[in-house]
N, C-alpha and C. Protein backbone atom coordinates (compact mmCIF):
# COMPACT_ATOMS: atom_id res chain seq x y z
N MET A 1 29.41 198.50 38.17
CA MET A 1 30.14 198.90 36.99
C MET A 1 31.39 198.15 36.68
N LYS A 2 32.01 197.72 37.78
CA LYS A 2 33.25 196.95 37.61
C LYS A 2 33.04 195.57 37.07
N LYS A 3 31.84 195.00 37.20
CA LYS A 3 31.55 193.76 36.67
C LYS A 3 31.29 193.64 35.15
N GLN A 4 31.03 194.82 34.63
CA GLN A 4 30.56 194.86 33.12
C GLN A 4 31.56 194.30 32.17
N PRO A 5 33.01 194.73 32.33
CA PRO A 5 33.88 193.94 31.41
C PRO A 5 33.94 192.54 31.56
N LEU A 6 33.94 191.89 32.80
CA LEU A 6 33.93 190.44 32.86
C LEU A 6 32.74 189.84 32.21
N LEU A 7 31.48 190.42 32.54
CA LEU A 7 30.36 189.89 31.87
C LEU A 7 30.32 190.01 30.38
N LEU A 8 30.88 191.06 29.85
CA LEU A 8 31.05 191.17 28.45
C LEU A 8 32.05 190.09 27.88
N THR A 9 33.07 189.90 28.59
CA THR A 9 34.10 188.86 28.19
C THR A 9 33.39 187.48 28.13
N ILE A 10 32.69 187.14 29.30
CA ILE A 10 32.04 185.84 29.27
C ILE A 10 31.05 185.72 28.12
N SER A 11 30.26 186.81 27.83
CA SER A 11 29.36 186.72 26.80
C SER A 11 29.92 186.43 25.48
N LEU A 12 31.09 187.13 25.10
CA LEU A 12 31.70 186.91 23.95
C LEU A 12 32.37 185.65 23.77
N LEU A 13 32.85 185.03 24.98
CA LEU A 13 33.35 183.73 24.99
C LEU A 13 32.37 182.61 24.52
N LEU A 14 31.17 182.85 25.13
CA LEU A 14 30.10 182.04 24.76
C LEU A 14 29.64 182.05 23.36
N ILE A 15 29.71 183.27 22.73
CA ILE A 15 29.18 183.52 21.44
C ILE A 15 30.32 182.79 20.50
N CYS A 16 31.57 183.13 20.78
CA CYS A 16 32.65 182.34 20.01
C CYS A 16 32.42 180.90 20.09
N GLN A 17 32.07 180.38 21.19
CA GLN A 17 31.97 178.90 21.24
C GLN A 17 30.77 178.45 20.53
N PHE A 18 29.69 179.17 20.41
CA PHE A 18 28.51 178.86 19.73
C PHE A 18 28.82 178.81 18.33
N ILE A 19 29.47 179.89 17.79
CA ILE A 19 29.57 180.02 16.27
C ILE A 19 30.86 179.25 15.86
N GLY A 20 31.58 178.62 16.54
CA GLY A 20 32.68 177.67 16.19
C GLY A 20 34.07 178.17 16.28
N PHE A 21 34.20 179.40 16.86
CA PHE A 21 35.55 179.88 17.09
C PHE A 21 36.27 178.88 18.13
N THR A 22 37.71 178.97 17.80
CA THR A 22 38.59 178.19 18.80
C THR A 22 39.75 178.98 19.11
N GLN A 23 39.99 178.88 20.36
CA GLN A 23 41.22 179.67 20.86
C GLN A 23 42.44 178.67 20.71
N GLU A 24 43.48 179.19 19.96
CA GLU A 24 44.69 178.57 19.59
C GLU A 24 45.81 179.45 19.84
N SER A 25 46.94 178.96 20.58
CA SER A 25 47.91 179.77 21.06
C SER A 25 49.02 180.09 19.87
N THR A 26 49.05 179.22 18.94
CA THR A 26 50.11 179.36 17.81
C THR A 26 49.37 179.64 16.34
N PRO A 27 49.22 180.85 15.97
CA PRO A 27 48.71 181.09 14.55
C PRO A 27 49.49 180.31 13.50
N ILE A 28 48.77 179.96 12.56
CA ILE A 28 49.46 179.34 11.35
C ILE A 28 49.89 180.40 10.35
N ILE A 29 49.02 181.49 10.21
CA ILE A 29 49.28 182.42 9.12
C ILE A 29 49.35 183.83 9.76
N LEU A 30 48.33 184.18 10.60
CA LEU A 30 48.31 185.64 11.10
C LEU A 30 49.02 185.68 12.27
N ASN A 31 50.40 186.03 12.26
CA ASN A 31 51.26 186.15 13.30
C ASN A 31 51.23 187.50 13.96
N GLY A 32 50.41 188.35 13.42
CA GLY A 32 50.29 189.68 14.04
C GLY A 32 48.99 190.32 13.61
N PRO A 33 48.73 191.53 14.03
CA PRO A 33 49.39 192.50 14.87
C PRO A 33 49.58 191.97 16.27
N GLU A 34 50.47 192.36 17.07
CA GLU A 34 50.67 192.12 18.52
C GLU A 34 49.48 192.70 19.28
N GLY A 35 48.95 192.16 20.18
CA GLY A 35 47.92 192.66 21.08
C GLY A 35 46.54 192.55 20.51
N TRP A 36 46.37 191.95 19.19
CA TRP A 36 45.11 191.82 18.60
C TRP A 36 44.80 190.35 18.87
N ASN A 37 43.44 190.18 19.29
CA ASN A 37 42.95 188.82 19.71
C ASN A 37 42.99 187.95 18.43
N TYR A 38 43.28 186.64 18.65
CA TYR A 38 43.34 185.71 17.62
C TYR A 38 42.37 184.60 17.74
N GLU A 39 41.70 184.13 16.62
CA GLU A 39 40.79 183.15 16.62
C GLU A 39 40.94 182.30 15.25
N LYS A 40 40.69 181.05 15.39
CA LYS A 40 40.67 180.19 14.32
C LYS A 40 39.34 179.39 14.09
N ILE A 41 39.03 179.20 12.80
CA ILE A 41 37.68 178.40 12.64
C ILE A 41 38.05 177.52 11.54
N ASP A 42 37.62 176.14 11.58
CA ASP A 42 37.68 175.21 10.58
C ASP A 42 36.39 175.10 9.75
N PHE A 43 36.63 174.83 8.46
CA PHE A 43 35.48 174.59 7.63
C PHE A 43 35.02 173.16 7.84
N PRO A 44 33.74 172.87 7.83
CA PRO A 44 32.60 173.73 7.46
C PRO A 44 32.31 174.73 8.64
N LEU A 45 32.03 176.00 8.38
CA LEU A 45 31.66 176.89 9.30
C LEU A 45 30.34 176.63 10.05
N ASP A 46 30.30 176.55 11.36
CA ASP A 46 29.15 176.29 12.14
C ASP A 46 28.03 177.31 11.77
N PHE A 47 28.42 178.60 11.59
CA PHE A 47 27.38 179.58 11.33
C PHE A 47 27.08 179.87 9.85
N ALA A 48 27.79 179.15 8.93
CA ALA A 48 27.43 179.15 7.60
C ALA A 48 27.80 177.75 6.98
N PRO A 49 27.14 176.78 7.28
CA PRO A 49 27.43 175.50 6.97
C PRO A 49 27.26 175.12 5.46
N SER A 50 26.40 176.08 4.79
CA SER A 50 26.24 175.77 3.31
C SER A 50 27.46 176.16 2.34
N LEU A 51 28.48 176.83 3.02
CA LEU A 51 29.62 177.08 2.23
C LEU A 51 30.42 175.84 1.99
N PRO A 52 30.63 175.48 0.77
CA PRO A 52 31.10 174.05 0.41
C PRO A 52 32.68 173.89 0.19
N TYR A 53 33.42 174.44 1.38
CA TYR A 53 34.84 174.62 1.21
C TYR A 53 35.64 173.75 2.33
N GLU A 54 36.85 173.32 1.90
CA GLU A 54 37.70 172.84 2.87
C GLU A 54 38.84 173.83 3.21
N GLY A 55 39.24 173.71 4.48
CA GLY A 55 40.32 174.56 4.93
C GLY A 55 40.00 175.17 6.24
N PHE A 56 40.45 176.54 6.44
CA PHE A 56 40.09 177.11 7.77
C PHE A 56 40.25 178.58 7.56
N GLU A 57 39.75 179.26 8.60
CA GLU A 57 39.89 180.73 8.71
C GLU A 57 40.57 181.16 9.87
N GLU A 58 41.51 182.18 9.73
CA GLU A 58 42.17 182.80 10.90
C GLU A 58 41.79 184.30 10.98
N LEU A 59 41.57 184.76 12.13
CA LEU A 59 41.09 186.11 12.44
C LEU A 59 41.98 186.83 13.45
N ARG A 60 42.12 188.20 13.35
CA ARG A 60 42.77 189.06 14.32
C ARG A 60 41.87 190.22 14.49
N PHE A 61 41.40 190.33 15.85
CA PHE A 61 40.48 191.41 16.12
C PHE A 61 41.37 192.61 16.75
N ALA A 62 41.06 193.85 16.47
CA ALA A 62 41.68 195.02 17.08
C ALA A 62 41.18 195.14 18.52
N PRO A 63 42.00 195.72 19.40
CA PRO A 63 41.66 195.90 20.82
C PRO A 63 40.25 196.51 20.97
N GLY A 64 39.88 197.39 20.10
CA GLY A 64 38.59 198.14 20.34
C GLY A 64 37.44 197.45 19.50
N MET A 65 37.70 196.24 19.07
CA MET A 65 36.66 195.54 18.20
C MET A 65 35.27 195.73 18.69
N PHE A 66 35.13 195.56 19.97
CA PHE A 66 33.68 195.33 20.47
C PHE A 66 33.29 196.64 21.28
N ASP A 67 34.07 197.81 21.07
CA ASP A 67 33.73 199.01 21.89
C ASP A 67 33.37 199.99 20.79
N THR A 68 32.11 200.38 20.84
CA THR A 68 31.53 201.27 19.81
C THR A 68 32.05 202.64 19.94
N SER A 69 32.72 203.01 20.94
CA SER A 69 33.35 204.29 21.09
C SER A 69 34.77 204.26 20.59
N SER A 70 35.37 203.16 20.32
CA SER A 70 36.82 203.11 19.95
C SER A 70 37.01 203.40 18.41
N SER A 71 38.10 204.01 18.17
CA SER A 71 38.49 204.24 16.78
C SER A 71 38.75 202.97 16.01
N THR A 72 39.00 201.83 16.75
CA THR A 72 39.16 200.62 16.10
C THR A 72 38.01 199.66 16.21
N TYR A 73 36.77 200.22 16.56
CA TYR A 73 35.56 199.43 16.57
C TYR A 73 35.42 198.71 15.35
N PHE A 74 35.08 197.45 15.46
CA PHE A 74 34.71 196.43 14.35
C PHE A 74 35.86 196.48 13.26
N THR A 75 37.02 196.69 13.76
CA THR A 75 38.26 196.66 12.84
C THR A 75 39.03 195.37 13.13
N TYR A 76 39.21 194.57 11.98
CA TYR A 76 39.84 193.21 12.12
C TYR A 76 40.35 192.82 10.87
N LEU A 77 41.10 191.72 10.73
CA LEU A 77 41.57 191.14 9.52
C LEU A 77 41.40 189.69 9.59
N PHE A 78 41.20 189.04 8.36
CA PHE A 78 41.00 187.66 8.32
C PHE A 78 41.52 186.92 7.17
N VAL A 79 41.87 185.77 7.19
CA VAL A 79 42.39 185.08 6.01
C VAL A 79 41.73 183.79 5.93
N LEU A 80 41.17 183.39 4.62
CA LEU A 80 40.59 182.03 4.55
C LEU A 80 41.53 181.39 3.74
N SER A 81 41.80 180.08 4.19
CA SER A 81 42.74 179.22 3.50
C SER A 81 41.75 178.13 2.99
N ILE A 82 41.52 178.12 1.66
CA ILE A 82 40.55 177.36 1.00
C ILE A 82 41.39 176.31 0.15
N GLN A 83 41.22 175.10 0.30
CA GLN A 83 41.87 174.05 -0.36
C GLN A 83 41.07 173.51 -1.55
N ASN A 84 41.80 172.99 -2.61
CA ASN A 84 41.21 172.26 -3.75
C ASN A 84 40.28 173.29 -4.42
N LYS A 85 40.58 174.47 -4.60
CA LYS A 85 39.71 175.57 -5.28
C LYS A 85 40.60 176.51 -6.03
N GLU A 86 40.88 176.24 -7.18
CA GLU A 86 41.94 176.98 -7.97
C GLU A 86 41.33 178.29 -8.63
N GLU A 87 40.04 178.16 -8.84
CA GLU A 87 39.34 179.32 -9.46
C GLU A 87 38.43 179.83 -8.55
N PHE A 88 38.26 181.11 -8.56
CA PHE A 88 37.40 181.90 -7.57
C PHE A 88 36.78 183.10 -8.15
N PRO A 89 35.66 182.88 -9.04
CA PRO A 89 35.18 184.12 -9.61
C PRO A 89 34.61 185.09 -8.75
N GLN A 90 34.47 186.34 -9.22
CA GLN A 90 33.78 187.33 -8.36
C GLN A 90 32.46 187.14 -7.82
N SER A 91 31.59 186.44 -8.77
CA SER A 91 30.24 186.08 -8.43
C SER A 91 30.27 185.14 -7.19
N GLU A 92 31.09 184.18 -7.17
CA GLU A 92 31.17 183.27 -6.02
C GLU A 92 31.65 183.81 -4.84
N LEU A 93 32.67 184.72 -5.05
CA LEU A 93 33.10 185.54 -3.89
C LEU A 93 31.93 186.33 -3.09
N LYS A 94 31.08 186.86 -3.96
CA LYS A 94 30.08 187.60 -3.44
C LYS A 94 29.11 186.79 -2.72
N THR A 95 28.96 185.65 -3.24
CA THR A 95 27.99 184.65 -2.47
C THR A 95 28.47 184.22 -1.26
N LEU A 96 29.87 183.95 -1.32
CA LEU A 96 30.52 183.57 0.07
C LEU A 96 30.39 184.60 1.18
N LEU A 97 30.61 185.83 0.75
CA LEU A 97 30.43 186.83 1.77
C LEU A 97 29.11 187.17 2.26
N SER A 98 28.16 187.03 1.33
CA SER A 98 26.78 187.15 1.74
C SER A 98 26.28 186.11 2.70
N LYS A 99 26.66 184.75 2.49
CA LYS A 99 26.34 183.77 3.31
C LYS A 99 27.01 183.77 4.63
N TYR A 100 28.37 184.13 4.55
CA TYR A 100 29.07 184.36 5.82
C TYR A 100 28.56 185.23 6.73
N TYR A 101 28.31 186.52 6.26
CA TYR A 101 27.81 187.51 7.11
C TYR A 101 26.37 187.39 7.58
N LYS A 102 25.48 187.00 6.83
CA LYS A 102 24.19 186.68 7.16
C LYS A 102 24.12 185.53 8.23
N GLY A 103 24.99 184.53 8.01
CA GLY A 103 25.03 183.44 8.93
C GLY A 103 25.56 183.80 10.26
N LEU A 104 26.66 184.61 10.25
CA LEU A 104 27.36 185.12 11.49
C LEU A 104 26.34 186.00 12.27
N CYS A 105 25.59 186.83 11.45
CA CYS A 105 24.74 187.70 12.23
C CYS A 105 23.59 187.02 12.85
N SER A 106 23.11 186.02 12.22
CA SER A 106 22.00 185.20 12.68
C SER A 106 22.54 184.47 13.95
N ALA A 107 23.74 183.78 13.93
CA ALA A 107 24.12 182.90 14.84
C ALA A 107 24.39 183.69 16.25
N VAL A 108 24.82 184.84 16.02
CA VAL A 108 25.09 185.75 17.26
C VAL A 108 23.85 186.43 17.89
N ALA A 109 22.98 186.79 16.94
CA ALA A 109 21.74 187.53 17.38
C ALA A 109 20.77 186.55 18.02
N THR A 110 20.63 185.40 17.45
CA THR A 110 19.54 184.50 17.90
C THR A 110 19.56 184.14 19.37
N PRO A 111 20.75 183.85 19.89
CA PRO A 111 20.70 183.43 21.40
C PRO A 111 20.64 184.75 22.22
N LYS A 112 20.75 185.92 21.64
CA LYS A 112 20.64 187.20 22.37
C LYS A 112 19.26 187.76 22.17
N LYS A 113 18.40 186.94 21.39
CA LYS A 113 17.09 187.39 21.21
C LYS A 113 16.98 188.83 20.48
N MET A 114 17.89 189.08 19.60
CA MET A 114 17.80 190.27 18.72
C MET A 114 17.11 190.14 17.59
N ALA A 115 16.22 190.97 17.30
CA ALA A 115 15.46 190.98 15.97
C ALA A 115 16.13 191.64 14.94
N ILE A 116 16.72 190.92 14.05
CA ILE A 116 17.54 191.51 12.98
C ILE A 116 17.00 190.86 11.65
N ASP A 117 16.92 191.79 10.61
CA ASP A 117 16.34 191.23 9.34
C ASP A 117 17.69 191.09 8.53
N THR A 118 18.18 189.89 8.39
CA THR A 118 19.36 189.53 7.67
C THR A 118 19.28 189.78 6.11
N SER A 119 17.99 189.95 5.65
CA SER A 119 17.91 190.30 4.23
C SER A 119 18.37 191.63 3.81
N GLN A 120 18.55 192.33 4.90
CA GLN A 120 19.11 193.85 4.66
C GLN A 120 20.54 193.87 4.50
N ILE A 121 21.13 192.62 4.79
CA ILE A 121 22.67 192.60 4.61
C ILE A 121 23.04 192.43 3.17
N LYS A 122 23.82 193.46 2.66
CA LYS A 122 24.06 193.46 1.33
C LYS A 122 25.64 193.66 1.11
N VAL A 123 26.02 193.00 -0.04
CA VAL A 123 27.57 192.91 -0.25
C VAL A 123 27.61 193.51 -1.75
N ARG A 124 28.66 194.62 -1.76
CA ARG A 124 29.02 195.11 -2.99
C ARG A 124 30.49 195.11 -3.23
N LEU A 125 30.89 194.59 -4.36
CA LEU A 125 32.27 194.35 -4.75
C LEU A 125 32.62 195.18 -5.97
N LYS A 126 33.78 195.81 -5.89
CA LYS A 126 34.43 196.43 -6.99
C LYS A 126 35.76 195.84 -7.33
N ASN A 127 36.04 195.53 -8.50
CA ASN A 127 37.40 195.00 -8.84
C ASN A 127 38.39 196.09 -8.87
N LEU A 128 39.45 195.68 -8.28
CA LEU A 128 40.76 196.59 -8.08
C LEU A 128 41.81 196.09 -9.04
N LYS A 129 42.06 196.50 -10.21
CA LYS A 129 43.02 195.81 -11.17
C LYS A 129 44.45 196.35 -10.69
N LYS A 130 45.26 195.34 -10.63
CA LYS A 130 46.68 195.54 -10.22
C LYS A 130 47.60 194.81 -11.36
N PRO A 131 48.32 195.64 -12.10
CA PRO A 131 49.11 195.13 -13.13
C PRO A 131 50.21 194.20 -12.66
N SER A 132 50.49 193.12 -13.41
CA SER A 132 51.55 192.26 -13.06
C SER A 132 51.26 191.62 -11.73
N SER A 133 50.06 191.23 -11.41
CA SER A 133 49.84 190.49 -10.07
C SER A 133 48.97 189.23 -10.38
N GLN A 134 49.38 188.20 -9.75
CA GLN A 134 48.54 186.98 -9.95
C GLN A 134 47.37 187.04 -9.10
N SER A 135 47.35 187.83 -8.03
CA SER A 135 46.14 187.84 -7.16
C SER A 135 45.08 188.78 -7.63
N LYS A 136 43.86 188.62 -7.31
CA LYS A 136 42.70 189.47 -7.57
C LYS A 136 42.29 190.34 -6.32
N SER A 137 42.18 191.61 -6.53
CA SER A 137 41.89 192.55 -5.41
C SER A 137 40.50 193.29 -5.63
N TYR A 138 39.86 193.34 -4.42
CA TYR A 138 38.42 193.92 -4.52
C TYR A 138 38.28 194.90 -3.41
N SER A 139 37.51 196.06 -3.67
CA SER A 139 37.06 196.98 -2.71
C SER A 139 35.58 196.48 -2.41
N VAL A 140 35.25 196.27 -1.20
CA VAL A 140 34.01 195.77 -0.81
C VAL A 140 33.39 196.64 0.32
N GLN A 141 32.12 196.77 0.17
CA GLN A 141 31.18 197.37 1.17
C GLN A 141 30.19 196.52 1.68
N ILE A 142 29.94 196.28 2.87
CA ILE A 142 28.91 195.37 3.22
C ILE A 142 28.03 196.15 4.22
N ASP A 143 26.71 196.16 3.94
CA ASP A 143 25.64 196.64 4.87
C ASP A 143 25.34 195.45 5.93
N PHE A 144 25.82 195.82 7.22
CA PHE A 144 25.83 194.69 8.27
C PHE A 144 25.13 195.25 9.48
N PHE A 145 24.84 194.44 10.42
CA PHE A 145 24.25 194.69 11.80
C PHE A 145 25.44 194.20 12.72
N ASP A 146 25.52 194.78 13.74
CA ASP A 146 26.45 194.52 14.94
C ASP A 146 25.67 193.65 15.93
N PRO A 147 25.62 192.44 15.81
CA PRO A 147 24.96 191.70 16.73
C PRO A 147 25.72 191.38 18.11
N PHE A 148 27.01 191.71 18.06
CA PHE A 148 27.85 191.59 19.22
C PHE A 148 27.61 192.55 20.34
N THR A 149 27.19 193.70 19.84
CA THR A 149 27.04 194.89 20.93
C THR A 149 25.53 195.41 20.96
N ASN A 150 25.20 196.22 20.00
CA ASN A 150 23.87 196.90 20.00
C ASN A 150 22.86 196.51 18.90
N GLY A 151 23.26 195.76 18.06
CA GLY A 151 22.42 195.27 17.01
C GLY A 151 22.15 196.39 15.97
N GLN A 152 22.82 197.41 15.93
CA GLN A 152 22.70 198.49 15.12
C GLN A 152 23.33 198.23 13.76
N LYS A 153 22.71 198.88 12.69
CA LYS A 153 23.30 198.76 11.25
C LYS A 153 24.59 199.47 11.12
N ILE A 154 25.59 198.86 10.43
CA ILE A 154 26.88 199.34 10.50
C ILE A 154 27.35 199.08 8.91
N LEU A 155 28.19 199.98 8.35
CA LEU A 155 28.69 199.97 7.02
C LEU A 155 30.20 199.37 7.10
N LEU A 156 30.46 198.27 6.70
CA LEU A 156 31.82 197.70 6.82
C LEU A 156 32.48 198.04 5.46
N ASN A 157 33.68 198.71 5.64
CA ASN A 157 34.60 198.93 4.55
C ASN A 157 35.55 197.69 4.51
N MET A 158 35.96 197.15 3.34
CA MET A 158 36.79 195.91 3.10
C MET A 158 37.66 196.12 1.91
N GLU A 159 38.93 195.76 2.11
CA GLU A 159 39.67 195.43 1.03
C GLU A 159 40.15 193.96 1.09
N LEU A 160 39.99 193.30 -0.10
CA LEU A 160 40.10 191.81 -0.02
C LEU A 160 40.98 191.34 -1.39
N GLU A 161 41.70 190.40 -1.04
CA GLU A 161 42.66 189.90 -1.98
C GLU A 161 42.51 188.33 -2.14
N VAL A 162 42.31 187.85 -3.37
CA VAL A 162 42.32 186.36 -3.61
C VAL A 162 43.67 186.00 -4.10
N ILE A 163 44.38 185.11 -3.35
CA ILE A 163 45.68 184.87 -3.73
C ILE A 163 45.83 183.33 -4.05
N PRO A 164 46.41 182.80 -5.20
CA PRO A 164 46.57 181.57 -5.46
C PRO A 164 47.45 180.80 -4.74
N ASN A 165 47.26 179.57 -4.24
CA ASN A 165 48.16 178.78 -3.39
C ASN A 165 48.52 177.63 -4.18
N LYS A 166 49.43 177.53 -5.05
CA LYS A 166 49.68 176.19 -5.90
C LYS A 166 50.00 175.00 -5.12
N GLN A 167 50.60 175.16 -3.97
CA GLN A 167 51.03 174.06 -3.16
C GLN A 167 49.83 173.26 -2.64
N THR A 168 48.61 173.91 -2.38
CA THR A 168 47.46 173.27 -1.73
C THR A 168 46.32 173.27 -2.94
N LYS A 169 46.73 173.70 -4.15
CA LYS A 169 45.82 173.75 -5.27
C LYS A 169 44.48 174.44 -4.73
N GLY A 170 44.78 175.64 -4.01
CA GLY A 170 43.66 176.41 -3.35
C GLY A 170 43.93 177.90 -3.45
N VAL A 171 43.26 178.53 -2.74
CA VAL A 171 43.49 180.01 -2.67
C VAL A 171 43.53 180.58 -1.13
N TYR A 172 43.96 181.69 -0.96
CA TYR A 172 43.89 182.45 0.18
C TYR A 172 42.96 183.52 -0.10
N VAL A 173 42.04 183.97 0.95
CA VAL A 173 41.19 185.13 0.70
C VAL A 173 41.66 186.00 1.94
N LEU A 174 42.46 186.95 1.62
CA LEU A 174 42.98 187.87 2.81
C LEU A 174 42.19 189.17 2.77
N SER A 175 41.69 189.46 3.94
CA SER A 175 40.81 190.77 3.98
C SER A 175 41.08 191.68 5.16
N ILE A 176 41.15 192.81 5.04
CA ILE A 176 41.16 193.86 6.23
C ILE A 176 39.81 194.57 6.07
N VAL A 177 39.37 194.87 7.37
CA VAL A 177 38.03 195.38 7.58
C VAL A 177 37.95 196.46 8.57
N SER A 178 37.16 197.58 8.25
CA SER A 178 36.92 198.56 9.31
C SER A 178 35.66 199.46 8.79
N PRO A 179 34.87 199.90 9.68
CA PRO A 179 33.93 200.86 9.24
C PRO A 179 34.49 202.36 8.99
N GLN A 180 35.78 202.51 9.55
CA GLN A 180 36.35 203.85 9.36
C GLN A 180 36.62 204.15 7.77
N SER A 181 36.84 205.32 7.43
CA SER A 181 37.03 205.78 6.21
C SER A 181 38.59 205.29 5.65
N LYS A 182 38.66 205.18 4.46
CA LYS A 182 40.14 204.79 4.05
C LYS A 182 41.26 205.70 4.22
N GLU A 183 40.90 206.84 4.58
CA GLU A 183 41.88 208.05 4.82
C GLU A 183 42.23 207.97 6.36
N SER A 184 41.67 207.13 7.09
CA SER A 184 41.91 207.24 8.51
C SER A 184 43.22 206.51 8.93
N VAL A 185 43.72 206.81 10.18
CA VAL A 185 44.83 206.15 10.74
C VAL A 185 44.73 204.69 10.78
N VAL A 186 43.51 204.25 11.19
CA VAL A 186 43.30 202.86 11.23
C VAL A 186 43.48 202.05 9.98
N TRP A 187 43.20 202.71 8.79
CA TRP A 187 43.44 202.13 7.61
C TRP A 187 44.98 202.05 7.18
N LYS A 188 45.67 203.04 7.62
CA LYS A 188 47.14 202.99 7.45
C LYS A 188 47.64 201.85 8.08
N GLU A 189 47.19 201.53 9.35
CA GLU A 189 47.75 200.38 10.06
C GLU A 189 47.38 199.15 9.41
N LEU A 190 46.00 198.98 8.87
CA LEU A 190 45.54 197.96 8.11
C LEU A 190 46.39 197.53 6.99
N TYR A 191 46.70 198.61 6.21
CA TYR A 191 47.40 198.47 4.99
C TYR A 191 48.87 197.90 5.32
N GLY A 192 49.42 198.43 6.36
CA GLY A 192 50.76 198.07 6.80
C GLY A 192 50.75 196.56 7.22
N VAL A 193 49.77 196.12 7.93
CA VAL A 193 49.70 194.65 8.21
C VAL A 193 49.55 193.79 6.99
N LYS A 194 48.78 194.26 5.97
CA LYS A 194 48.46 193.50 4.78
C LYS A 194 49.91 193.34 4.12
N GLU A 195 50.61 194.44 3.94
CA GLU A 195 52.06 194.39 3.26
C GLU A 195 52.89 193.26 3.87
N LYS A 196 52.71 193.03 5.16
CA LYS A 196 53.56 192.05 5.77
C LYS A 196 53.13 190.55 5.51
N LEU A 197 52.03 190.52 5.01
CA LEU A 197 51.41 189.17 4.65
C LEU A 197 51.45 189.02 3.16
N LYS A 198 52.82 189.07 2.62
CA LYS A 198 53.07 188.92 1.09
C LYS A 198 52.72 187.24 1.00
N LEU A 199 52.43 186.98 -0.33
CA LEU A 199 52.22 185.65 -0.75
C LEU A 199 53.22 184.65 -0.30
N GLN A 200 54.57 185.04 -0.40
CA GLN A 200 55.56 183.97 0.03
C GLN A 200 55.61 183.81 1.54
N LYS A 201 55.26 184.80 2.21
CA LYS A 201 55.22 184.65 3.74
C LYS A 201 54.07 183.85 4.09
N ILE A 202 52.91 184.05 3.50
CA ILE A 202 51.73 183.23 3.76
C ILE A 202 51.94 181.71 3.58
N ILE A 203 52.49 181.38 2.37
CA ILE A 203 52.76 180.08 2.06
C ILE A 203 53.86 179.37 2.87
N SER A 204 54.92 180.18 3.26
CA SER A 204 55.89 179.54 4.17
C SER A 204 55.33 179.39 5.62
N ALA A 205 54.40 180.21 6.05
CA ALA A 205 53.82 180.01 7.36
C ALA A 205 52.96 178.87 7.36
N GLU A 206 52.30 178.66 6.19
CA GLU A 206 51.21 177.48 6.29
C GLU A 206 51.91 176.21 6.24
N ASN A 207 53.06 176.07 5.56
CA ASN A 207 53.70 174.83 5.17
C ASN A 207 54.87 174.63 6.05
N ARG A 208 55.15 175.36 7.14
CA ARG A 208 56.36 175.20 7.86
C ARG A 208 56.27 173.88 8.84
């Protein structure tokens, strides 16, 4: 039993290497939360190479990300820094998320010989109007499968914001994710983290 955490860690490291995650000590944008694991991926994404973007993705995973019994199971946040892309319509965002999550699921499940029907992965977006805001906000639900642990179907709740970045003539896609309900303590923490990542802070972090 004592060997299980080590074997899980090794398995996850191999998966991350396979799908293109890199370990970097200094985040460019996501400087927190403290204690959340950090990863960075450059475009083109190995697990979704058909996404035609330039830039990178940063992610932060909650401590209980891969523990199905944890209150922070599959709870994380990510930001896509996409260059030379000033317009990002809702239909294209839906396509991005669909290709991203289907590709991720296949890339992780295949070497583990998990039989997952990725055609069942569905993305639903709802526009959240925010007066006097340059960014566009969306409430998102994704029917996903967890290939990292048990392969079971999981409903991911997400809030996503597309923020223009005039300095790179591109956009940031900032997202917070958890299967927990929006009324949970987990979401209070996620909202708090998101508030700390204001547009000015994101820009100053990337261009320092």
